[in-house]
Amino acid sequence: MVRAKAAKKTSSNRRFIRRRVCSFCVETNLPDYKDISRLRRFVTERGKIMPRAKTGVCAAHQRRLAQEVKKARQIALLSYWAGA
């Protein structure tokens, strides 16, 4: 027996989800490996680079941000892992 698909109910109390705006696009200054206080906002306490979905950074700036975090780690301005 084949069931008919139930019609989707449209509720009047739907919430509008506001898209985050890239902080680098708004300020028009790119991420830099020397600006450690700013880079720390995009790195978890375990040392992982946060995903775009959480930070709200656009794709182009997320790629640039990842490169700058890796540069800062390489010259020991940021640690690879903040634990221990």
N, C-alpha and C. Protein backbone atom coordinates (compact mmCIF):
# COMPACT_ATOMS: atom_id res chain seq x y z
N MET A 1 0.84 -1.17 0.00
CA MET A 1 0.00 0.00 0.00
C MET A 1 0.90 1.24 0.00
N VAL A 2 0.61 2.18 -0.87
CA VAL A 2 1.39 3.40 -1.00
C VAL A 2 0.65 4.52 -0.28
N ARG A 3 1.37 5.16 0.61
CA ARG A 3 0.76 6.28 1.33
C ARG A 3 0.98 7.58 0.60
N ALA A 4 0.05 8.43 0.66
CA ALA A 4 0.19 9.76 0.06
C ALA A 4 1.04 10.61 0.99
N LYS A 5 1.87 11.43 0.39
CA LYS A 5 2.70 12.32 1.21
C LYS A 5 1.83 13.34 1.92
N ALA A 6 2.13 13.55 3.15
CA ALA A 6 1.38 14.54 3.92
C ALA A 6 1.79 15.93 3.48
N ALA A 7 0.86 16.80 3.35
CA ALA A 7 1.14 18.17 2.95
C ALA A 7 1.90 18.86 4.08
N LYS A 8 2.90 19.61 3.71
CA LYS A 8 3.67 20.34 4.71
C LYS A 8 2.83 21.48 5.26
N LYS A 9 2.83 21.56 6.56
CA LYS A 9 2.08 22.64 7.19
C LYS A 9 2.95 23.88 7.26
N THR A 10 2.40 24.98 6.92
CA THR A 10 3.12 26.24 7.06
C THR A 10 2.64 26.90 8.33
N SER A 11 3.54 27.11 9.21
CA SER A 11 3.16 27.72 10.48
C SER A 11 3.40 29.23 10.40
N SER A 12 2.60 29.94 11.09
CA SER A 12 2.71 31.39 11.07
C SER A 12 3.79 31.90 12.01
N ASN A 13 4.32 31.02 12.84
CA ASN A 13 5.33 31.47 13.81
C ASN A 13 6.73 31.02 13.41
N ARG A 14 7.03 30.99 12.12
CA ARG A 14 8.37 30.66 11.68
C ARG A 14 9.32 31.79 12.04
N ARG A 15 10.50 31.40 12.41
CA ARG A 15 11.50 32.40 12.75
C ARG A 15 12.35 32.70 11.54
N PHE A 16 12.66 33.96 11.37
CA PHE A 16 13.54 34.37 10.29
C PHE A 16 14.97 34.24 10.78
N ILE A 17 15.78 33.48 10.04
CA ILE A 17 17.16 33.28 10.42
C ILE A 17 18.01 34.32 9.71
N ARG A 18 18.66 35.14 10.46
CA ARG A 18 19.50 36.19 9.89
C ARG A 18 20.87 35.62 9.59
N ARG A 19 21.33 35.86 8.38
CA ARG A 19 22.66 35.39 7.98
C ARG A 19 23.72 36.26 8.64
N ARG A 20 24.79 35.62 9.05
CA ARG A 20 25.89 36.37 9.62
C ARG A 20 26.67 37.06 8.49
N VAL A 21 27.18 38.20 8.80
CA VAL A 21 27.97 38.94 7.82
C VAL A 21 29.44 38.74 8.17
N CYS A 22 30.24 38.51 7.16
CA CYS A 22 31.67 38.28 7.37
C CYS A 22 32.30 39.52 7.99
N SER A 23 32.98 39.33 9.11
CA SER A 23 33.59 40.48 9.79
C SER A 23 34.74 41.08 8.99
N PHE A 24 35.39 40.26 8.18
CA PHE A 24 36.50 40.77 7.37
C PHE A 24 35.99 41.56 6.17
N CYS A 25 34.84 41.17 5.62
CA CYS A 25 34.25 41.91 4.51
C CYS A 25 33.74 43.28 4.96
N VAL A 26 33.20 43.34 6.16
CA VAL A 26 32.65 44.59 6.68
C VAL A 26 33.77 45.58 6.98
N GLU A 27 34.82 45.12 7.62
CA GLU A 27 35.90 46.01 8.03
C GLU A 27 36.92 46.25 6.91
N THR A 28 36.86 45.48 5.87
CA THR A 28 37.75 45.56 4.70
C THR A 28 39.24 45.45 5.05
N ASN A 29 39.56 44.81 6.17
CA ASN A 29 40.96 44.50 6.44
C ASN A 29 41.08 42.99 6.59
N LEU A 30 42.09 42.45 5.97
CA LEU A 30 42.27 41.01 5.90
C LEU A 30 42.92 40.47 7.16
N PRO A 31 42.71 39.17 7.45
CA PRO A 31 43.37 38.58 8.62
C PRO A 31 44.88 38.57 8.43
N ASP A 32 45.61 38.77 9.50
CA ASP A 32 47.06 38.81 9.44
C ASP A 32 47.62 37.93 10.55
N TYR A 33 48.71 37.23 10.29
CA TYR A 33 49.26 36.29 11.26
C TYR A 33 49.84 36.99 12.48
N LYS A 34 50.13 38.29 12.37
CA LYS A 34 50.70 39.03 13.49
C LYS A 34 49.65 39.49 14.50
N ASP A 35 48.39 39.49 14.09
CA ASP A 35 47.30 39.94 14.96
C ASP A 35 46.75 38.75 15.74
N ILE A 36 47.46 38.35 16.77
CA ILE A 36 47.15 37.13 17.51
C ILE A 36 45.83 37.22 18.26
N SER A 37 45.54 38.37 18.83
CA SER A 37 44.29 38.50 19.59
C SER A 37 43.08 38.29 18.68
N ARG A 38 43.18 38.71 17.46
CA ARG A 38 42.08 38.53 16.51
C ARG A 38 42.00 37.08 16.03
N LEU A 39 43.15 36.46 15.80
CA LEU A 39 43.16 35.08 15.34
C LEU A 39 42.64 34.12 16.41
N ARG A 40 42.85 34.43 17.68
CA ARG A 40 42.40 33.55 18.75
C ARG A 40 40.88 33.40 18.79
N ARG A 41 40.16 34.39 18.27
CA ARG A 41 38.70 34.28 18.23
C ARG A 41 38.24 33.19 17.29
N PHE A 42 39.07 32.82 16.32
CA PHE A 42 38.71 31.83 15.32
C PHE A 42 39.35 30.48 15.56
N VAL A 43 39.97 30.30 16.73
CA VAL A 43 40.59 29.03 17.11
C VAL A 43 39.98 28.57 18.42
N THR A 44 39.65 27.28 18.52
CA THR A 44 39.05 26.75 19.75
C THR A 44 40.12 26.66 20.83
N GLU A 45 39.69 26.35 22.05
CA GLU A 45 40.65 26.21 23.14
C GLU A 45 41.53 24.98 22.96
N ARG A 46 41.11 24.05 22.14
CA ARG A 46 41.94 22.88 21.83
C ARG A 46 42.90 23.15 20.68
N GLY A 47 42.81 24.32 20.06
CA GLY A 47 43.74 24.69 19.01
C GLY A 47 43.22 24.45 17.60
N LYS A 48 41.97 24.04 17.46
CA LYS A 48 41.42 23.78 16.13
C LYS A 48 40.85 25.06 15.51
N ILE A 49 40.94 25.17 14.22
CA ILE A 49 40.37 26.31 13.52
C ILE A 49 38.86 26.09 13.43
N MET A 50 38.09 27.09 13.85
CA MET A 50 36.64 26.95 13.86
C MET A 50 36.07 26.97 12.44
N PRO A 51 34.98 26.24 12.21
CA PRO A 51 34.38 26.20 10.87
C PRO A 51 33.63 27.48 10.54
N ARG A 52 33.38 27.66 9.25
CA ARG A 52 32.67 28.85 8.77
C ARG A 52 31.29 28.97 9.37
N ALA A 53 30.61 27.84 9.54
CA ALA A 53 29.24 27.87 10.04
C ALA A 53 29.17 28.47 11.44
N LYS A 54 30.22 28.31 12.20
CA LYS A 54 30.22 28.84 13.56
C LYS A 54 30.70 30.28 13.63
N THR A 55 31.67 30.63 12.80
CA THR A 55 32.26 31.96 12.88
C THR A 55 31.56 32.99 12.01
N GLY A 56 30.92 32.53 10.93
CA GLY A 56 30.23 33.46 10.04
C GLY A 56 31.14 34.16 9.05
N VAL A 57 32.30 33.60 8.79
CA VAL A 57 33.25 34.18 7.85
C VAL A 57 32.95 33.63 6.46
N CYS A 58 33.10 34.46 5.43
CA CYS A 58 32.84 34.00 4.06
C CYS A 58 33.93 33.01 3.63
N ALA A 59 33.68 32.29 2.55
CA ALA A 59 34.58 31.22 2.11
C ALA A 59 35.97 31.73 1.78
N ALA A 60 36.04 32.83 1.07
CA ALA A 60 37.35 33.38 0.68
C ALA A 60 38.16 33.78 1.91
N HIS A 61 37.52 34.42 2.87
CA HIS A 61 38.25 34.85 4.06
C HIS A 61 38.53 33.68 5.00
N GLN A 62 37.70 32.64 4.97
CA GLN A 62 37.98 31.46 5.78
C GLN A 62 39.26 30.78 5.31
N ARG A 63 39.44 30.70 3.98
CA ARG A 63 40.67 30.12 3.44
C ARG A 63 41.89 30.96 3.84
N ARG A 64 41.75 32.26 3.73
CA ARG A 64 42.84 33.16 4.11
C ARG A 64 43.12 33.07 5.61
N LEU A 65 42.07 32.99 6.41
CA LEU A 65 42.19 32.89 7.86
C LEU A 65 42.94 31.62 8.25
N ALA A 66 42.62 30.51 7.60
CA ALA A 66 43.29 29.25 7.90
C ALA A 66 44.78 29.34 7.59
N GLN A 67 45.13 29.97 6.48
CA GLN A 67 46.54 30.14 6.13
C GLN A 67 47.28 31.01 7.15
N GLU A 68 46.61 32.06 7.61
CA GLU A 68 47.25 32.97 8.58
C GLU A 68 47.41 32.30 9.94
N VAL A 69 46.44 31.47 10.35
CA VAL A 69 46.57 30.73 11.61
C VAL A 69 47.74 29.76 11.50
N LYS A 70 47.87 29.10 10.36
CA LYS A 70 48.96 28.15 10.17
C LYS A 70 50.32 28.86 10.17
N LYS A 71 50.38 30.06 9.60
CA LYS A 71 51.62 30.84 9.64
C LYS A 71 51.99 31.20 11.08
N ALA A 72 50.97 31.64 11.84
CA ALA A 72 51.21 32.03 13.24
C ALA A 72 51.66 30.84 14.07
N ARG A 73 51.13 29.65 13.78
CA ARG A 73 51.57 28.45 14.48
C ARG A 73 53.02 28.13 14.11
N GLN A 74 53.36 28.28 12.85
CA GLN A 74 54.70 27.93 12.37
C GLN A 74 55.79 28.75 13.04
N ILE A 75 55.52 30.03 13.28
CA ILE A 75 56.54 30.87 13.92
C ILE A 75 56.27 31.04 15.42
N ALA A 76 55.44 30.15 15.97
CA ALA A 76 55.20 30.01 17.40
C ALA A 76 54.50 31.22 18.04
N LEU A 77 53.68 31.92 17.29
CA LEU A 77 52.85 32.95 17.89
C LEU A 77 51.56 32.35 18.44
N LEU A 78 51.09 31.29 17.82
CA LEU A 78 49.95 30.52 18.29
C LEU A 78 50.43 29.08 18.52
N SER A 79 49.85 28.43 19.51
CA SER A 79 50.24 27.05 19.74
C SER A 79 49.39 26.12 18.89
N TYR A 80 49.94 24.96 18.58
CA TYR A 80 49.19 23.96 17.84
C TYR A 80 48.08 23.37 18.69
N TRP A 81 48.37 23.26 19.98
CA TRP A 81 47.38 22.72 20.90
C TRP A 81 47.53 23.46 22.21
N ALA A 82 46.43 24.01 22.70
CA ALA A 82 46.49 24.85 23.89
C ALA A 82 46.34 24.06 25.19
N GLY A 83 46.20 22.74 25.10
CA GLY A 83 46.01 21.93 26.30
C GLY A 83 47.30 21.69 27.07
N ALA A 84 47.19 20.84 28.07
CA ALA A 84 48.32 20.39 28.91
C ALA A 84 48.81 21.46 29.79
